[in-house]
Amino acid sequence: MEDLKEESAIPQENGYTGNFMPYDFERYYDMMPKRKRGNGIKALLWFSSVFMVLISAVIIAMGMAGSKGISFTFEIDESDGLPSNRYSQTSYATNTDISDAPDVSADINGPQISVTKTENDVSETNSANTAYKNASPSVVNITSYEAGTDYALTKSGDGSGIIITSDGYISTNSHVVNDSMDTGVMITLFDGSQYLGTVIGIDKKTDLAVVKIDAEGLKPGQFADSEKIYVGQDAYAIGSPGGAKFSNSLTKGTVSAVNRIVSGGYVKYIQTDAAINPGNSGGALINSDGYVIGVNTIKFVGTDYEGMGFAIPSNQVVEIVNELIKYGSIKSRGTIGIEGKNCSLYESKIKNVPQGIIITKIYVTSPLYTSPARENDIITAINGVVITDFAELIDELRKFKPGDEITLTLFHVPENKSVPPDTFDVTVELINDE
């Protein structure tokens, strides 16, 4: 998408119609009104008088303040040059009602959310306004601040989130909180009230995170069963496109596709043409009933793309968020500890090798590190189930947990061309993928 640029208004003279005019100083100087001699001295005397009056007023005000015991002394934090008032008992914050971020972390006994099961399909007779009224009180704006020295916090961006419990648990994207548990966050609710939040869990692979604020009586969003989503149904995105000043904006579209695979993505996404812009990340994709069907996360950007946004399906959001509330990370996901790339059908035909995952790196923590497997071997099956790409590999690995044993089928092409290729099985124990 091309950036929008502000254009300055420039006089269209001498036939010029562009956005830039060369600066002709001598010509411009000749057009300027000339000052009379002596005016400069009068102006100087006038400014001097005003300055002396202001100085006198400041001295008098400081004297009065001192008599009341008010101190104007600031401690200078030399780490960043900003004035620090951390030891003062008086708060100079604009909004003194904002409490500190809650001192909380993941809780094994924390609340869990669930998918709302409905008897019938979503009602397409509802209006966009009905969907908005039902869902918007559950969508928040999230302003993130990079972790760093106290009183030197730098705003890093704006995103959106979804209230998932009445006592202040909020889901969002991991990238909205900078993929860090130490990121500072300010949460702005639908009614404009603000809270400092604490990041209690992140999962970079699915791009999901959970934030907690100290609040009660909030309206949690209702999560629909994403297995019932179908192409062509109405879809609405709610969030803060462009930041907090555009919070709770609604855009309307349709579900363009389901189970979409995006390069580098760990999930199968819902594709929608509802407008998704920077700041919508972490916000809700809802159906006509106002139920959350997905969490908006990415879009294709470029002059050749229009209306291609993607959301994490609600069923997977519920699964990941519940585990983040409990542990702060994902404990139930197993991995084989490798990096790899797809061996496409074309490549398999050209090189006369099977489709699958070409191993490009084996980590020292991988169960394959001490096995016969080598880089450039191709994974073709898990427990006999044929694997042709990463999406199928991930789907199969989701069926198992760390500590489970699986059998990989690998295809090996020796460097010595005179030795024929070999297919062999390796049984390994999955490790934790945190």
Protein backbone atom coordinates (compact mmCIF):
# COMPACT_ATOMS: atom_id res chain seq x y z
CA MET A 1 0.00 0.00 0.00
CA GLU A 2 1.45 3.36 -0.97
CA ASP A 3 2.07 5.77 1.88
CA LEU A 4 -0.14 8.85 2.00
CA LYS A 5 1.88 12.04 2.00
CA GLU A 6 0.88 15.52 3.05
CA GLU A 7 1.41 18.05 0.27
CA SER A 8 2.13 21.68 1.06
CA ALA A 9 0.06 24.33 -0.66
CA ILE A 10 2.35 26.21 -3.06
CA PRO A 11 1.31 29.21 -5.22
CA GLN A 12 0.74 28.10 -8.77
CA GLU A 13 2.50 30.92 -10.58
CA ASN A 14 4.65 31.22 -13.69
CA GLY A 15 2.91 28.16 -15.06
CA TYR A 16 4.22 25.89 -12.27
CA THR A 17 1.82 23.11 -11.22
CA GLY A 18 4.09 20.72 -9.29
CA ASN A 19 4.60 20.09 -5.58
CA PHE A 20 7.96 21.83 -5.29
CA MET A 21 9.14 25.29 -6.28
CA PRO A 22 12.82 26.30 -6.26
CA TYR A 23 13.51 28.95 -3.65
CA ASP A 24 14.54 32.30 -5.20
CA PHE A 25 15.83 34.32 -2.24
CA GLU A 26 16.57 37.55 -4.09
CA ARG A 27 13.16 37.58 -5.79
CA TYR A 28 11.41 36.79 -2.49
CA TYR A 29 13.39 39.47 -0.66
CA ASP A 30 12.36 42.11 -3.19
CA MET A 31 8.69 41.22 -2.62
CA MET A 32 8.89 41.58 1.18
CA PRO A 33 7.59 44.82 2.80
CA LYS A 34 10.50 46.98 3.96
CA ARG A 35 10.71 48.10 7.62
CA LYS A 36 11.28 51.74 8.45
CA ARG A 37 14.54 52.62 10.15
CA GLY A 38 14.13 52.99 13.90
CA ASN A 39 11.41 50.38 14.22
CA GLY A 40 13.97 47.79 15.34
CA ILE A 41 15.06 49.91 18.33
CA LYS A 42 11.46 50.43 19.43
CA ALA A 43 10.75 46.69 19.20
CA LEU A 44 13.85 45.88 21.25
CA LEU A 45 12.83 48.27 24.03
CA TRP A 46 9.29 46.85 24.07
CA PHE A 47 10.48 43.20 24.35
CA SER A 48 12.94 44.16 27.11
CA SER A 49 10.13 45.72 29.15
CA VAL A 50 7.88 42.67 28.76
CA PHE A 51 10.74 40.34 29.71
CA MET A 52 11.49 42.26 32.94
CA VAL A 53 7.80 42.14 33.93
CA LEU A 54 7.69 38.35 33.41
CA ILE A 55 10.86 37.82 35.46
CA SER A 56 9.41 39.86 38.33
CA ALA A 57 6.18 37.86 38.26
CA VAL A 58 8.06 34.52 38.41
CA ILE A 59 10.17 35.69 41.38
CA ILE A 60 7.04 36.80 43.28
CA ALA A 61 5.24 33.51 42.52
CA MET A 62 8.20 31.42 43.73
CA GLY A 63 8.37 33.45 46.92
CA MET A 64 4.69 32.80 47.61
CA ALA A 65 5.10 29.10 46.87
CA GLY A 66 8.07 28.87 49.21
CA SER A 67 6.01 30.37 52.03
CA LYS A 68 3.53 27.50 51.61
CA GLY A 69 6.23 24.84 51.74
CA ILE A 70 5.96 23.85 48.06
CA SER A 71 9.25 22.76 46.49
CA PHE A 72 10.18 23.30 42.84
CA THR A 73 13.33 21.19 43.09
CA PHE A 74 13.74 18.34 40.55
CA GLU A 75 16.10 15.42 40.69
CA ILE A 76 17.81 14.92 37.33
CA ASP A 77 18.05 11.35 36.10
CA GLU A 78 21.37 11.48 34.25
CA SER A 79 20.70 8.20 32.49
CA ASP A 80 18.39 9.89 29.99
CA GLY A 81 18.39 13.57 30.83
CA LEU A 82 14.70 13.56 31.80
CA PRO A 83 13.56 15.23 35.05
CA SER A 84 12.67 12.63 37.65
CA ASN A 85 10.16 13.24 40.40
CA ARG A 86 9.96 9.68 41.68
CA TYR A 87 10.47 10.58 45.36
CA SER A 88 7.81 13.28 45.53
CA GLN A 89 4.67 12.49 47.52
CA THR A 90 2.65 14.60 45.12
CA SER A 91 1.44 13.06 41.85
CA TYR A 92 1.70 15.28 38.79
CA ALA A 93 0.18 12.69 36.43
CA THR A 94 -2.68 13.98 34.29
CA ASN A 95 -4.95 11.16 35.42
CA THR A 96 -4.31 10.33 39.07
CA ASP A 97 -7.02 7.65 39.07
CA ILE A 98 -4.85 5.17 37.14
CA SER A 99 -3.57 2.52 39.51
CA ASP A 100 -0.31 0.63 39.18
CA ALA A 101 -0.12 -2.37 36.88
CA PRO A 102 -1.20 -5.49 38.80
CA ASP A 103 1.61 -7.60 40.25
CA VAL A 104 0.39 -10.84 38.71
CA SER A 105 1.73 -13.73 36.67
CA ALA A 106 0.43 -16.90 35.07
CA ASP A 107 -1.79 -18.91 37.41
CA ILE A 108 -2.42 -22.65 37.13
CA ASN A 109 -5.80 -22.01 38.76
CA GLY A 110 -6.56 -18.97 36.63
CA PRO A 111 -9.85 -18.58 34.77
CA GLN A 112 -10.44 -20.45 31.52
CA ILE A 113 -12.55 -19.34 28.58
CA SER A 114 -14.58 -21.51 26.24
CA VAL A 115 -16.21 -21.51 22.83
CA THR A 116 -19.90 -20.61 22.84
CA LYS A 117 -21.83 -23.48 21.29
CA THR A 118 -24.92 -22.41 19.36
CA GLU A 119 -27.71 -24.62 18.11
CA ASN A 120 -28.06 -22.87 14.77
CA ASP A 121 -25.75 -21.14 12.34
CA VAL A 122 -25.08 -17.42 12.78
CA SER A 123 -27.97 -15.13 11.95
CA GLU A 124 -27.21 -13.13 8.82
CA THR A 125 -30.34 -11.02 9.33
CA ASN A 126 -28.68 -8.96 12.06
CA SER A 127 -27.34 -5.54 11.10
CA ALA A 128 -23.74 -4.37 11.41
CA ASN A 129 -24.93 -2.08 14.19
CA THR A 130 -26.28 -5.06 16.15
CA ALA A 131 -22.96 -6.86 15.84
CA TYR A 132 -21.09 -3.72 16.89
CA LYS A 133 -23.26 -3.08 19.94
CA ASN A 134 -22.77 -6.65 21.12
CA ALA A 135 -19.01 -6.79 20.65
CA SER A 136 -17.53 -3.28 20.95
CA PRO A 137 -17.62 -3.05 24.79
CA SER A 138 -15.30 -6.09 24.82
CA VAL A 139 -12.67 -4.58 22.50
CA VAL A 140 -9.89 -2.41 23.94
CA ASN A 141 -7.03 -0.26 22.73
CA ILE A 142 -3.55 -1.29 23.82
CA THR A 143 -0.65 1.17 23.85
CA SER A 144 2.68 -0.56 24.39
CA TYR A 145 5.90 0.84 25.85
CA GLU A 146 9.29 -0.76 25.40
CA ALA A 147 10.84 -2.17 28.53
CA GLY A 148 13.67 0.01 29.81
CA THR A 149 14.88 2.45 32.42
CA ASP A 150 12.20 3.86 34.72
CA TYR A 151 10.83 7.21 33.56
CA ALA A 152 12.41 6.72 30.13
CA LEU A 153 9.68 4.62 28.55
CA THR A 154 9.31 4.90 24.81
CA LYS A 155 5.96 4.31 23.16
CA SER A 156 6.38 1.51 20.65
CA GLY A 157 2.94 1.27 19.12
CA ASP A 158 -0.80 0.81 19.35
CA GLY A 159 -2.85 -2.32 18.97
CA SER A 160 -6.12 -3.85 20.06
CA GLY A 161 -7.28 -6.54 22.46
CA ILE A 162 -10.34 -8.51 23.51
CA ILE A 163 -11.59 -8.73 27.10
CA ILE A 164 -11.89 -12.44 27.89
CA THR A 165 -12.90 -12.38 31.58
CA SER A 166 -14.88 -9.92 33.69
CA ASP A 167 -11.93 -9.49 36.08
CA GLY A 168 -9.48 -8.09 33.55
CA TYR A 169 -7.85 -10.81 31.44
CA ILE A 170 -7.34 -9.56 27.88
CA SER A 171 -6.13 -11.39 24.77
CA THR A 172 -4.07 -9.71 22.05
CA ASN A 173 -1.28 -10.42 19.57
CA SER A 174 2.19 -11.20 20.82
CA HIS A 175 3.67 -8.61 18.46
CA VAL A 176 1.42 -5.92 19.98
CA VAL A 177 3.35 -6.35 23.26
CA ASN A 178 6.69 -6.58 21.40
CA ASP A 179 6.88 -10.37 21.99
CA SER A 180 8.07 -9.54 25.51
CA MET A 181 6.78 -10.18 29.02
CA ASP A 182 8.53 -6.96 30.14
CA THR A 183 6.63 -4.61 27.84
CA GLY A 184 4.59 -1.92 29.59
CA VAL A 185 0.99 -1.57 28.43
CA MET A 186 -1.77 0.99 28.85
CA ILE A 187 -5.29 -0.36 28.27
CA THR A 188 -8.09 1.98 27.18
CA LEU A 189 -11.58 0.55 27.51
CA PHE A 190 -14.63 1.27 25.37
CA ASP A 191 -15.82 3.95 27.81
CA GLY A 192 -12.44 5.72 27.77
CA SER A 193 -11.26 4.56 31.20
CA GLN A 194 -7.60 3.56 31.35
CA TYR A 195 -5.59 0.93 33.23
CA LEU A 196 -1.96 -0.06 33.44
CA GLY A 197 -1.62 -3.71 32.47
CA THR A 198 0.78 -6.60 32.99
CA VAL A 199 1.77 -9.08 30.27
CA ILE A 200 1.37 -12.55 31.79
CA GLY A 201 1.94 -14.78 28.76
CA ILE A 202 3.14 -14.75 25.14
CA ASP A 203 3.33 -17.26 22.32
CA LYS A 204 5.27 -15.96 19.35
CA LYS A 205 4.48 -18.93 17.12
CA THR A 206 0.74 -18.29 17.09
CA ASP A 207 1.24 -14.54 17.75
CA LEU A 208 -1.01 -14.53 20.81
CA ALA A 209 -0.57 -12.96 24.24
CA VAL A 210 -2.52 -12.35 27.45
CA VAL A 211 -2.55 -9.12 29.47
CA LYS A 212 -4.10 -8.57 32.92
CA ILE A 213 -5.52 -5.35 34.35
CA ASP A 214 -6.88 -4.68 37.84
CA ALA A 215 -10.58 -4.27 37.02
CA GLU A 216 -13.94 -5.87 37.75
CA GLY A 217 -17.32 -6.04 36.05
CA LEU A 218 -15.98 -5.97 32.49
CA LYS A 219 -17.90 -7.44 29.57
CA PRO A 220 -15.99 -10.40 28.08
CA GLY A 221 -16.29 -11.21 24.41
CA GLN A 222 -18.11 -14.40 23.40
CA PHE A 223 -16.13 -16.76 21.20
CA ALA A 224 -17.97 -18.61 18.44
CA ASP A 225 -17.07 -22.06 17.14
CA SER A 226 -14.69 -21.33 14.25
CA GLU A 227 -15.39 -24.79 12.81
CA LYS A 228 -18.80 -23.41 11.76
CA ILE A 229 -17.39 -20.46 9.82
CA TYR A 230 -18.14 -20.57 6.11
CA VAL A 231 -16.96 -18.64 3.07
CA GLY A 232 -19.28 -15.77 2.18
CA GLN A 233 -20.66 -15.05 5.65
CA ASP A 234 -20.50 -11.49 6.93
CA ALA A 235 -17.45 -10.57 8.97
CA TYR A 236 -16.66 -7.37 10.87
CA ALA A 237 -13.33 -6.17 12.25
CA ILE A 238 -13.27 -4.02 15.41
CA GLY A 239 -10.12 -2.38 16.68
CA SER A 240 -7.94 0.73 16.62
CA PRO A 241 -6.73 1.22 13.02
CA GLY A 242 -4.19 4.02 13.12
CA GLY A 243 -4.00 4.06 16.91
CA ALA A 244 -6.04 5.11 19.92
CA LYS A 245 -7.65 8.12 18.24
CA PHE A 246 -9.51 5.69 15.95
CA SER A 247 -10.34 3.10 18.61
CA ASN A 248 -13.46 0.93 18.28
CA SER A 249 -13.67 1.42 14.54
CA LEU A 250 -15.82 -1.08 12.64
CA THR A 251 -15.10 -2.33 9.14
CA LYS A 252 -17.34 -4.71 7.24
CA GLY A 253 -16.53 -7.52 4.84
CA THR A 254 -16.94 -11.22 4.31
CA VAL A 255 -15.09 -14.40 5.10
CA SER A 256 -13.03 -14.84 1.94
CA ALA A 257 -11.56 -18.23 2.83
CA VAL A 258 -10.82 -20.55 5.76
CA ASN A 259 -7.77 -22.65 6.65
CA ARG A 260 -5.46 -20.33 4.75
CA ILE A 261 -1.74 -21.06 5.03
CA VAL A 262 0.53 -17.99 5.10
CA SER A 263 4.29 -18.32 4.73
CA GLY A 264 5.90 -18.34 8.16
CA GLY A 265 2.56 -18.74 9.94
CA TYR A 266 1.96 -21.46 12.49
CA VAL A 267 -1.82 -21.52 12.18
CA LYS A 268 -4.41 -21.86 9.43
CA TYR A 269 -6.03 -18.46 9.17
CA ILE A 270 -9.42 -17.03 8.36
CA GLN A 271 -9.07 -14.76 5.34
CA THR A 272 -11.31 -11.68 5.17
CA ASP A 273 -11.72 -8.58 3.04
CA ALA A 274 -12.87 -6.51 6.04
CA ALA A 275 -10.33 -3.69 6.22
CA ILE A 276 -7.52 -4.51 8.66
CA ASN A 277 -4.93 -1.81 9.27
CA PRO A 278 -2.04 -1.19 11.68
CA GLY A 279 -3.64 -0.94 15.11
CA ASN A 280 -6.27 -3.60 14.33
CA SER A 281 -3.83 -6.30 15.43
CA GLY A 282 -5.17 -8.24 18.40
CA GLY A 283 -8.71 -6.97 17.85
CA ALA A 284 -11.81 -8.99 17.09
CA LEU A 285 -13.13 -10.41 13.86
CA ILE A 286 -16.81 -11.00 14.63
CA ASN A 287 -19.88 -12.49 13.01
CA SER A 288 -23.32 -10.88 12.66
CA ASP A 289 -24.23 -11.89 16.23
CA GLY A 290 -21.19 -10.06 17.60
CA TYR A 291 -19.41 -13.29 18.55
CA VAL A 292 -15.64 -13.43 18.07
CA ILE A 293 -14.69 -15.76 15.21
CA GLY A 294 -11.04 -14.75 15.10
CA VAL A 295 -8.27 -12.44 16.28
CA ASN A 296 -7.02 -10.07 13.56
CA THR A 297 -3.30 -10.42 13.10
CA ILE A 298 -1.82 -9.81 9.63
CA LYS A 299 -2.60 -8.49 6.16
CA PHE A 300 -0.93 -8.47 2.77
CA VAL A 301 0.33 -4.99 1.95
CA GLY A 302 1.31 -3.70 -1.47
CA THR A 303 0.07 -2.00 -4.60
CA ASP A 304 -0.95 -5.39 -5.98
CA TYR A 305 -3.02 -6.42 -2.93
CA GLU A 306 -6.42 -5.25 -1.77
CA GLY A 307 -8.58 -6.62 1.02
CA MET A 308 -6.45 -9.55 2.16
CA GLY A 309 -6.47 -9.69 5.94
CA PHE A 310 -6.06 -12.72 8.18
CA ALA A 311 -7.33 -13.71 11.61
CA ILE A 312 -6.43 -16.54 14.00
CA PRO A 313 -9.53 -18.79 14.32
CA SER A 314 -11.39 -18.49 17.62
CA ASN A 315 -11.04 -22.18 18.55
CA GLN A 316 -7.26 -21.93 18.45
CA VAL A 317 -7.32 -18.61 20.29
CA VAL A 318 -9.26 -20.19 23.17
CA GLU A 319 -6.87 -23.13 23.33
CA ILE A 320 -3.69 -21.01 23.37
CA VAL A 321 -5.05 -18.25 25.64
CA ASN A 322 -6.16 -20.76 28.29
CA GLU A 323 -2.69 -22.22 28.43
CA LEU A 324 -1.05 -18.79 28.60
CA ILE A 325 -3.27 -17.88 31.56
CA LYS A 326 -2.12 -21.05 33.34
CA TYR A 327 1.60 -21.13 32.53
CA GLY A 328 2.61 -17.94 30.72
CA SER A 329 3.85 -20.04 27.81
CA ILE A 330 2.83 -23.10 25.83
CA LYS A 331 3.76 -26.32 27.63
CA SER A 332 1.69 -28.79 25.63
CA ARG A 333 3.28 -28.28 22.22
CA GLY A 334 5.96 -30.73 21.13
CA THR A 335 8.65 -30.19 18.53
CA ILE A 336 11.49 -32.06 16.85
CA GLY A 337 13.87 -29.07 17.05
CA ILE A 338 14.71 -28.44 13.41
CA GLU A 339 14.54 -25.79 10.74
CA GLY A 340 13.42 -26.75 7.26
CA LYS A 341 11.73 -25.82 4.02
CA ASN A 342 9.10 -27.38 1.80
CA CYS A 343 10.18 -29.63 -1.03
CA SER A 344 7.60 -28.65 -3.63
CA LEU A 345 6.03 -30.93 -6.20
CA TYR A 346 8.04 -29.17 -8.91
CA GLU A 347 11.32 -29.62 -7.03
CA SER A 348 10.54 -33.26 -6.31
CA LYS A 349 9.97 -33.90 -10.02
CA ILE A 350 13.09 -32.04 -11.15
CA LYS A 351 15.41 -33.63 -8.55
CA ASN A 352 13.63 -36.99 -8.45
CA VAL A 353 13.04 -36.89 -4.70
CA PRO A 354 9.82 -37.21 -2.66
CA GLN A 355 7.84 -34.23 -1.41
CA GLY A 356 8.24 -33.38 2.26
CA ILE A 357 10.27 -31.17 4.61
CA ILE A 358 13.93 -30.63 3.70
CA ILE A 359 15.89 -30.36 6.98
CA THR A 360 18.09 -27.25 6.80
CA LYS A 361 19.26 -27.19 10.44
CA ILE A 362 19.21 -29.57 13.41
CA TYR A 363 19.54 -27.86 16.79
CA VAL A 364 21.75 -29.39 19.48
CA THR A 365 18.65 -29.75 21.69
CA SER A 366 16.83 -31.70 18.97
CA PRO A 367 16.20 -35.42 19.49
CA LEU A 368 17.46 -35.82 15.90
CA TYR A 369 20.88 -34.38 16.79
CA THR A 370 22.27 -37.75 17.88
CA SER A 371 20.23 -39.77 15.38
CA PRO A 372 21.19 -40.89 11.85
CA ALA A 373 19.24 -37.91 10.45
CA ARG A 374 21.31 -35.30 8.63
CA GLU A 375 20.75 -31.87 7.12
CA ASN A 376 19.21 -32.05 3.62
CA ASP A 377 17.34 -35.24 4.53
CA ILE A 378 13.65 -35.04 3.68
CA ILE A 379 10.93 -35.85 6.23
CA THR A 380 8.22 -37.68 4.30
CA ALA A 381 5.98 -39.14 7.05
CA ILE A 382 5.11 -39.11 10.78
CA ASN A 383 3.88 -42.43 12.16
CA GLY A 384 3.10 -43.48 8.61
CA VAL A 385 1.08 -40.34 7.78
CA VAL A 386 2.46 -38.77 4.60
CA ILE A 387 3.87 -35.24 5.01
CA THR A 388 4.21 -32.97 1.97
CA ASP A 389 4.56 -29.51 3.55
CA PHE A 390 4.96 -27.67 6.85
CA ALA A 391 1.23 -27.24 7.37
CA GLU A 392 0.79 -31.01 7.39
CA LEU A 393 3.82 -31.42 9.67
CA ILE A 394 2.35 -28.96 12.20
CA ASP A 395 -1.06 -30.61 12.05
CA GLU A 396 0.46 -33.99 12.87
CA LEU A 397 2.69 -32.66 15.67
CA ARG A 398 -0.36 -31.04 17.32
CA LYS A 399 -1.65 -34.53 18.08
CA PHE A 400 1.26 -35.15 20.46
CA LYS A 401 2.77 -33.59 23.57
CA PRO A 402 6.35 -33.22 24.80
CA GLY A 403 7.65 -36.61 25.90
CA ASP A 404 5.57 -38.53 23.35
CA GLU A 405 7.45 -40.75 20.92
CA ILE A 406 6.89 -40.48 17.18
CA THR A 407 8.45 -42.24 14.21
CA LEU A 408 9.77 -40.09 11.37
CA THR A 409 10.35 -41.46 7.89
CA LEU A 410 13.27 -39.77 6.17
CA PHE A 411 14.66 -39.82 2.63
CA HIS A 412 18.44 -39.49 2.36
CA VAL A 413 20.47 -38.70 -0.76
CA PRO A 414 24.16 -39.52 -0.21
CA GLU A 415 26.79 -37.04 -1.35
CA ASN A 416 28.44 -39.91 -3.19
CA LYS A 417 26.33 -40.13 -6.33
CA SER A 418 27.31 -43.72 -6.85
CA VAL A 419 25.44 -44.68 -3.66
CA PRO A 420 21.67 -44.99 -4.15
CA PRO A 421 19.23 -42.92 -2.01
CA ASP A 422 17.97 -44.49 1.18
CA THR A 423 14.69 -44.32 3.14
CA PHE A 424 14.78 -45.06 6.87
CA ASP A 425 12.75 -44.57 10.06
CA VAL A 426 13.86 -42.76 13.23
CA THR A 427 11.92 -42.89 16.51
CA VAL A 428 12.36 -39.77 18.65
CA GLU A 429 10.87 -38.21 21.80
CA LEU A 430 9.32 -34.79 21.31
CA ILE A 431 10.77 -31.89 23.28
CA ASN A 432 8.90 -28.86 24.64
CA ASP A 433 8.37 -26.12 22.06
CA GLU A 434 8.40 -22.92 24.11
